[in-house]
Structure formats: C-alpha cells, structure tokens
Amino acid sequence: MSAATKLDLPLPPRELVARSRYLESELGLIATFTGRWISEAAAGEPWVEDRVGMNVLRHAVLMSEWWVREHWGRAFEFVQIDLRSQDLSWALMRKRDVQLAVEDLELPADDPREYAALKHNLRQLRRELEHELARDRERPEQAWAGQAAEHERTIRQLQQRVRSYENSLSWKATRPVREVARTLRTTRGRQD
C-alpha cells in the first residue's frame, strides 16, 4: 500500500459506504474506533467483548473487534488492527472489490453476539435514561432549596432594615405624627 486515508469513526454506515466508493483499491484506509479502553469511563462497566457490538451511548460509541470485522469487513479487507494506541483501536483496511449499499453494512450477522449486544445496549441506554431522570428530579429540589435559602436571606435583611428604622431617632420622633394619621384614616373610613 502506497498511501492511506485516516478516518475517525464511528461514521454512519452511509458515510462509510460513500467513502469506500471514492477510495482507490491500492490505497489503504486507517480507521479508529473506541471500545474496550474507554468502557469503564463511558459506560461505567468493565469491558466484555461478547456483549458489545456497536453500542451507542449518550457520550460514546463502543465497538468490539468482532463487530468491526463482521460489518466493516463486508466492504474492507483488514490488513491489521492495533487494539490499543491512545485508548483507541486502529484498523488498517483495504477496499474490497464489492458494491454495497448502506443496508448491507447495517444488516445484522448470524452471530448470536449481535442479539446479545443489542440487548445489552438497550440495558445501557435504560440505565443512562434512569440516571438522567433521577438527576432531573434532584435538580428542582436543589434549585428550590437554593431559592428558599436566598429568600430567607432576603427576609432577614429586610427584617434587619425594619428594626433599624424602628430603632432610629427619626422613627421615634415621628411616632405621634403617624398615630394622628392612623386616627384620621380610621375616622374617614367610618364616615364613608
């Protein structure tokens, strides 16, 4: 191989098919994929090769070597796969002389791991959703607690200001004026 094109995957199957059409047969394709090296961080669980195919999560796509070989192998011949470099797996591939549609790459294999991986991906997504919902339920309570504390601070500040007015010399000096005004308002209210 005289040259190679590098892709950071996962690309949607339509992109992989489109790029394979433009790739010349003597050129290689270098593609990276994530999986075993980031499973703990991305999925919060240890890596188990047989329960991961192409598991799509909220912040990552985990791909096993068997799945990559099965699905990408329909369009490419694998020259080499380096399973760990910078926490990525690197695949050096060469274009196969085939015409494929997107559906050809997406079609599940007969391998029983396909079904197991799909079931596991559903469990992962359910766990992510439950985690998000629980976090969303906590947020309003935390926000309300923060707002309540802020309101309590404001009330204390206002009460302190009222006390400082009531204890001031001007408030004490104008007390007779306020009492006369209150008496006049009460008298007018009875006349209406």
C-alpha atoms as a PDB file:
ATOM      1  CA  MET A   1       0.000   0.000   0.000  1.00  0.00           C
ATOM      2  CA  SER A   2       1.488   3.319  -1.013  1.00  0.00           C
ATOM      3  CA  ALA A   3      -0.790   5.675   0.921  1.00  0.00           C
ATOM      4  CA  ALA A   4      -3.585   5.651   3.439  1.00  0.00           C
ATOM      5  CA  THR A   5      -6.579   7.796   4.310  1.00  0.00           C
ATOM      6  CA  LYS A   6      -7.415   8.178   8.007  1.00  0.00           C
ATOM      7  CA  LEU A   7     -10.972   8.328   9.371  1.00  0.00           C
ATOM      8  CA  ASP A   8     -12.061   8.829  12.942  1.00  0.00           C
ATOM      9  CA  LEU A   9     -15.073   6.590  13.320  1.00  0.00           C
ATOM     10  CA  PRO A  10     -17.750   5.666  14.044  1.00  0.00           C
ATOM     11  CA  LEU A  11     -19.056   7.045  10.831  1.00  0.00           C
ATOM     12  CA  PRO A  12     -22.647   6.339   9.960  1.00  0.00           C
ATOM     13  CA  PRO A  13     -22.792   3.378   7.529  1.00  0.00           C
ATOM     14  CA  ARG A  14     -23.866   5.695   4.675  1.00  0.00           C
ATOM     15  CA  GLU A  15     -20.609   7.668   5.122  1.00  0.00           C
ATOM     16  CA  LEU A  16     -18.511   4.520   5.240  1.00  0.00           C
ATOM     17  CA  VAL A  17     -20.132   3.259   2.016  1.00  0.00           C
ATOM     18  CA  ALA A  18     -19.739   6.666   0.344  1.00  0.00           C
ATOM     19  CA  ARG A  19     -16.071   6.920   1.269  1.00  0.00           C
ATOM     20  CA  SER A  20     -15.364   3.369   0.161  1.00  0.00           C
ATOM     21  CA  ARG A  21     -16.681   4.267  -3.315  1.00  0.00           C
ATOM     22  CA  TYR A  22     -14.095   7.037  -3.655  1.00  0.00           C
ATOM     23  CA  LEU A  23     -11.221   5.102  -2.182  1.00  0.00           C
ATOM     24  CA  GLU A  24      -8.904   3.670  -4.795  1.00  0.00           C
ATOM     25  CA  SER A  25      -8.171  -0.022  -4.420  1.00  0.00           C
ATOM     26  CA  GLU A  26      -4.419   0.411  -3.920  1.00  0.00           C
ATOM     27  CA  LEU A  27      -4.921   2.907  -1.092  1.00  0.00           C
ATOM     28  CA  GLY A  28      -5.430   1.880   2.491  1.00  0.00           C
ATOM     29  CA  LEU A  29      -7.950   3.208   4.944  1.00  0.00           C
ATOM     30  CA  ILE A  30      -6.984   3.773   8.555  1.00  0.00           C
ATOM     31  CA  ALA A  31      -9.973   4.000  10.872  1.00  0.00           C
ATOM     32  CA  THR A  32     -10.126   4.354  14.633  1.00  0.00           C
ATOM     33  CA  PHE A  33     -12.821   3.024  16.899  1.00  0.00           C
ATOM     34  CA  THR A  34     -13.413   3.070  20.635  1.00  0.00           C
ATOM     35  CA  GLY A  35     -14.389   0.278  22.921  1.00  0.00           C
ATOM     36  CA  ARG A  36     -12.500  -1.757  25.456  1.00  0.00           C
ATOM     37  CA  TRP A  37     -10.180   1.037  26.582  1.00  0.00           C
ATOM     38  CA  ILE A  38     -12.935   3.506  27.480  1.00  0.00           C
ATOM     39  CA  SER A  39     -15.701   1.163  28.648  1.00  0.00           C
ATOM     40  CA  GLU A  40     -15.268   1.986  32.349  1.00  0.00           C
ATOM     41  CA  ALA A  41     -15.337   5.744  31.717  1.00  0.00           C
ATOM     42  CA  ALA A  42     -18.039   5.820  29.042  1.00  0.00           C
ATOM     43  CA  ALA A  43     -20.376   3.043  30.175  1.00  0.00           C
ATOM     44  CA  GLY A  44     -19.446   2.677  33.834  1.00  0.00           C
ATOM     45  CA  GLU A  45     -18.826  -1.044  33.455  1.00  0.00           C
ATOM     46  CA  PRO A  46     -15.969  -3.403  32.654  1.00  0.00           C
ATOM     47  CA  TRP A  47     -15.461  -4.433  29.056  1.00  0.00           C
ATOM     48  CA  VAL A  48     -16.977  -7.737  27.997  1.00  0.00           C
ATOM     49  CA  GLU A  49     -16.262  -8.302  24.306  1.00  0.00           C
ATOM     50  CA  ASP A  50     -19.191 -10.648  23.652  1.00  0.00           C
ATOM     51  CA  ARG A  51     -21.863  -8.240  24.913  1.00  0.00           C
ATOM     52  CA  VAL A  52     -20.739  -5.241  22.863  1.00  0.00           C
ATOM     53  CA  GLY A  53     -21.248  -4.917  19.124  1.00  0.00           C
ATOM     54  CA  MET A  54     -21.672  -1.282  18.191  1.00  0.00           C
ATOM     55  CA  ASN A  55     -23.266   0.024  21.374  1.00  0.00           C
ATOM     56  CA  VAL A  56     -24.369   3.623  21.011  1.00  0.00           C
ATOM     57  CA  LEU A  57     -24.421   5.550  24.280  1.00  0.00           C
ATOM     58  CA  ARG A  58     -25.071   9.183  25.090  1.00  0.00           C
ATOM     59  CA  HIS A  59     -21.409  10.280  25.024  1.00  0.00           C
ATOM     60  CA  ALA A  60     -19.660   7.430  23.242  1.00  0.00           C
ATOM     61  CA  VAL A  61     -19.971   4.595  20.789  1.00  0.00           C
ATOM     62  CA  LEU A  62     -18.349   1.380  21.959  1.00  0.00           C
ATOM     63  CA  MET A  63     -17.328  -1.086  19.239  1.00  0.00           C
ATOM     64  CA  SER A  64     -15.917  -4.560  19.595  1.00  0.00           C
ATOM     65  CA  GLU A  65     -13.346  -6.019  17.258  1.00  0.00           C
ATOM     66  CA  TRP A  66     -15.665  -8.891  16.224  1.00  0.00           C
ATOM     67  CA  TRP A  67     -18.390  -6.406  15.222  1.00  0.00           C
ATOM     68  CA  VAL A  68     -15.971  -4.204  13.260  1.00  0.00           C
ATOM     69  CA  ARG A  69     -14.559  -7.225  11.428  1.00  0.00           C
ATOM     70  CA  GLU A  70     -18.059  -8.536  10.637  1.00  0.00           C
ATOM     71  CA  HIS A  71     -19.665  -5.299   9.456  1.00  0.00           C
ATOM     72  CA  TRP A  72     -16.776  -3.280   8.067  1.00  0.00           C
ATOM     73  CA  GLY A  73     -15.283  -6.496   6.683  1.00  0.00           C
ATOM     74  CA  ARG A  74     -18.119  -6.576   4.168  1.00  0.00           C
ATOM     75  CA  ALA A  75     -16.602  -3.525   2.473  1.00  0.00           C
ATOM     76  CA  PHE A  76     -12.945  -3.767   3.516  1.00  0.00           C
ATOM     77  CA  GLU A  77     -10.210  -6.344   3.927  1.00  0.00           C
ATOM     78  CA  PHE A  78      -8.355  -5.972   7.215  1.00  0.00           C
ATOM     79  CA  VAL A  79      -4.624  -5.635   6.868  1.00  0.00           C
ATOM     80  CA  GLN A  80      -4.008  -5.025  10.574  1.00  0.00           C
ATOM     81  CA  ILE A  81      -5.821  -3.994  13.744  1.00  0.00           C
ATOM     82  CA  ASP A  82      -3.854  -2.395  16.548  1.00  0.00           C
ATOM     83  CA  LEU A  83      -6.048  -2.805  19.604  1.00  0.00           C
ATOM     84  CA  ARG A  84      -4.538  -0.108  21.763  1.00  0.00           C
ATOM     85  CA  SER A  85      -2.977   3.131  20.814  1.00  0.00           C
ATOM     86  CA  GLN A  86      -4.022   6.293  22.650  1.00  0.00           C
ATOM     87  CA  ASP A  87      -7.050   4.396  24.046  1.00  0.00           C
ATOM     88  CA  LEU A  88      -8.308   3.759  20.515  1.00  0.00           C
ATOM     89  CA  SER A  89      -8.259   0.723  18.315  1.00  0.00           C
ATOM     90  CA  TRP A  90      -6.776   1.365  14.884  1.00  0.00           C
ATOM     91  CA  ALA A  91      -7.739  -0.613  11.804  1.00  0.00           C
ATOM     92  CA  LEU A  92      -5.734  -0.584   8.586  1.00  0.00           C
ATOM     93  CA  MET A  93      -8.021  -1.772   5.807  1.00  0.00           C
ATOM     94  CA  ARG A  94      -8.048  -2.112   2.059  1.00  0.00           C
ATOM     95  CA  LYS A  95     -11.138  -1.685  -0.089  1.00  0.00           C
ATOM     96  CA  ARG A  96     -12.798  -4.888  -1.285  1.00  0.00           C
ATOM     97  CA  ASP A  97     -13.942  -5.070  -4.905  1.00  0.00           C
ATOM     98  CA  VAL A  98     -17.660  -5.096  -3.993  1.00  0.00           C
ATOM     99  CA  GLN A  99     -20.614  -2.775  -4.461  1.00  0.00           C
ATOM    100  CA  LEU A 100     -22.500  -2.378  -1.208  1.00  0.00           C
ATOM    101  CA  ALA A 101     -25.450  -0.347  -0.032  1.00  0.00           C
ATOM    102  CA  VAL A 102     -25.824   1.132   3.441  1.00  0.00           C
ATOM    103  CA  GLU A 103     -28.242  -1.659   4.353  1.00  0.00           C
ATOM    104  CA  ASP A 104     -25.533  -4.232   3.591  1.00  0.00           C
ATOM    105  CA  LEU A 105     -23.327  -2.806   6.355  1.00  0.00           C
ATOM    106  CA  GLU A 106     -26.211  -2.426   8.814  1.00  0.00           C
ATOM    107  CA  LEU A 107     -27.612  -5.914   8.316  1.00  0.00           C
ATOM    108  CA  PRO A 108     -27.125  -7.997  11.497  1.00  0.00           C
ATOM    109  CA  ALA A 109     -24.892 -11.035  11.224  1.00  0.00           C
ATOM    110  CA  ASP A 110     -25.957 -14.560  12.149  1.00  0.00           C
ATOM    111  CA  ASP A 111     -23.574 -14.320  15.088  1.00  0.00           C
ATOM    112  CA  PRO A 112     -25.541 -14.709  18.380  1.00  0.00           C
ATOM    113  CA  ARG A 113     -23.401 -11.914  19.848  1.00  0.00           C
ATOM    114  CA  GLU A 114     -25.354  -9.452  17.645  1.00  0.00           C
ATOM    115  CA  TYR A 115     -28.556 -10.099  19.584  1.00  0.00           C
ATOM    116  CA  ALA A 116     -26.748 -10.154  22.946  1.00  0.00           C
ATOM    117  CA  ALA A 117     -25.065  -6.833  22.110  1.00  0.00           C
ATOM    118  CA  LEU A 118     -28.370  -5.229  21.135  1.00  0.00           C
ATOM    119  CA  LYS A 119     -29.991  -6.407  24.373  1.00  0.00           C
ATOM    120  CA  HIS A 120     -27.045  -5.111  26.372  1.00  0.00           C
ATOM    121  CA  ASN A 121     -27.119  -1.771  24.550  1.00  0.00           C
ATOM    122  CA  LEU A 122     -30.798  -1.416  25.488  1.00  0.00           C
ATOM    123  CA  ARG A 123     -29.894  -2.051  29.149  1.00  0.00           C
ATOM    124  CA  GLN A 124     -27.113   0.536  28.924  1.00  0.00           C
ATOM    125  CA  LEU A 125     -29.455   3.108  27.398  1.00  0.00           C
ATOM    126  CA  ARG A 126     -32.145   2.371  30.007  1.00  0.00           C
ATOM    127  CA  ARG A 127     -29.542   2.851  32.774  1.00  0.00           C
ATOM    128  CA  GLU A 128     -28.443   6.165  31.229  1.00  0.00           C
ATOM    129  CA  LEU A 129     -32.057   7.315  30.976  1.00  0.00           C
ATOM    130  CA  GLU A 130     -32.836   6.335  34.579  1.00  0.00           C
ATOM    131  CA  HIS A 131     -29.713   8.190  35.724  1.00  0.00           C
ATOM    132  CA  GLU A 132     -30.738  11.315  33.794  1.00  0.00           C
ATOM    133  CA  LEU A 133     -34.305  11.181  35.122  1.00  0.00           C
ATOM    134  CA  ALA A 134     -33.071  10.794  38.705  1.00  0.00           C
ATOM    135  CA  ARG A 135     -30.702  13.719  38.228  1.00  0.00           C
ATOM    136  CA  ASP A 136     -33.524  15.814  36.764  1.00  0.00           C
ATOM    137  CA  ARG A 137     -35.722  15.011  39.773  1.00  0.00           C
ATOM    138  CA  GLU A 138     -32.950  16.155  42.122  1.00  0.00           C
ATOM    139  CA  ARG A 139     -32.320  19.407  40.280  1.00  0.00           C
ATOM    140  CA  PRO A 140     -35.660  21.101  41.109  1.00  0.00           C
ATOM    141  CA  GLU A 141     -35.294  20.173  44.780  1.00  0.00           C
ATOM    142  CA  GLN A 142     -31.782  21.581  44.813  1.00  0.00           C
ATOM    143  CA  ALA A 143     -32.934  24.690  42.950  1.00  0.00           C
ATOM    144  CA  TRP A 144     -35.879  25.158  45.341  1.00  0.00           C
ATOM    145  CA  ALA A 145     -33.604  24.700  48.333  1.00  0.00           C
ATOM    146  CA  GLY A 146     -31.252  27.309  46.908  1.00  0.00           C
ATOM    147  CA  GLN A 147     -34.122  29.700  46.190  1.00  0.00           C
ATOM    148  CA  ALA A 148     -35.580  29.159  49.672  1.00  0.00           C
ATOM    149  CA  ALA A 149     -32.215  29.935  51.247  1.00  0.00           C
ATOM    150  CA  GLU A 150     -31.909  33.064  49.110  1.00  0.00           C
ATOM    151  CA  HIS A 151     -35.423  34.193  50.095  1.00  0.00           C
ATOM    152  CA  GLU A 152     -34.664  33.567  53.765  1.00  0.00           C
ATOM    153  CA  ARG A 153     -31.523  35.724  53.483  1.00  0.00           C
ATOM    154  CA  THR A 154     -33.563  38.489  51.839  1.00  0.00           C
ATOM    155  CA  ILE A 155     -36.240  38.278  54.567  1.00  0.00           C
ATOM    156  CA  ARG A 156     -33.602  38.500  57.316  1.00  0.00           C
ATOM    157  CA  GLN A 157     -32.025  41.513  55.610  1.00  0.00           C
ATOM    158  CA  LEU A 158     -35.402  43.250  55.293  1.00  0.00           C
ATOM    159  CA  GLN A 159     -36.312  42.473  58.917  1.00  0.00           C
ATOM    160  CA  GLN A 160     -32.981  43.925  59.999  1.00  0.00           C
ATOM    161  CA  ARG A 161     -33.685  47.100  57.995  1.00  0.00           C
ATOM    162  CA  VAL A 162     -37.160  47.412  59.563  1.00  0.00           C
ATOM    163  CA  ARG A 163     -35.679  47.046  63.059  1.00  0.00           C
ATOM    164  CA  SER A 164     -33.045  49.663  62.279  1.00  0.00           C
ATOM    165  CA  TYR A 165     -35.807  52.090  61.108  1.00  0.00           C
ATOM    166  CA  GLU A 166     -37.938  51.355  64.179  1.00  0.00           C
ATOM    167  CA  ASN A 167     -34.972  51.982  66.490  1.00  0.00           C
ATOM    168  CA  SER A 168     -33.890  55.159  64.721  1.00  0.00           C
ATOM    169  CA  LEU A 169     -34.366  58.592  66.351  1.00  0.00           C
ATOM    170  CA  SER A 170     -36.411  59.897  63.388  1.00  0.00           C
ATOM    171  CA  TRP A 171     -38.836  56.943  63.658  1.00  0.00           C
ATOM    172  CA  LYS A 172     -39.299  57.586  67.376  1.00  0.00           C
ATOM    173  CA  ALA A 173     -39.709  61.366  66.812  1.00  0.00           C
ATOM    174  CA  THR A 174     -42.370  60.916  64.124  1.00  0.00           C
ATOM    175  CA  ARG A 175     -44.420  58.400  66.129  1.00  0.00           C
ATOM    176  CA  PRO A 176     -47.025  60.982  67.223  1.00  0.00           C
ATOM    177  CA  VAL A 177     -47.465  62.090  63.591  1.00  0.00           C
ATOM    178  CA  ARG A 178     -48.039  58.501  62.447  1.00  0.00           C
ATOM    179  CA  GLU A 179     -50.606  57.983  65.233  1.00  0.00           C
ATOM    180  CA  VAL A 180     -52.561  61.105  64.191  1.00  0.00           C
ATOM    181  CA  ALA A 181     -52.502  59.957  60.540  1.00  0.00           C
ATOM    182  CA  ARG A 182     -53.766  56.498  61.541  1.00  0.00           C
ATOM    183  CA  THR A 183     -56.591  58.059  63.614  1.00  0.00           C
ATOM    184  CA  LEU A 184     -57.620  60.283  60.682  1.00  0.00           C
ATOM    185  CA  ARG A 185     -57.697  57.328  58.281  1.00  0.00           C
ATOM    186  CA  THR A 186     -59.810  55.334  60.712  1.00  0.00           C
ATOM    187  CA  THR A 187     -62.229  58.258  61.214  1.00  0.00           C
ATOM    188  CA  ARG A 188     -62.612  58.778  57.451  1.00  0.00           C
ATOM    189  CA  GLY A 189     -63.226  55.064  56.957  1.00  0.00           C
ATOM    190  CA  ARG A 190     -66.160  55.190  59.397  1.00  0.00           C
ATOM    191  CA  GLN A 191     -67.659  58.251  57.684  1.00  0.00           C
ATOM    192  CA  ASP A 192     -67.812  56.520  54.276  1.00  0.00           C
END
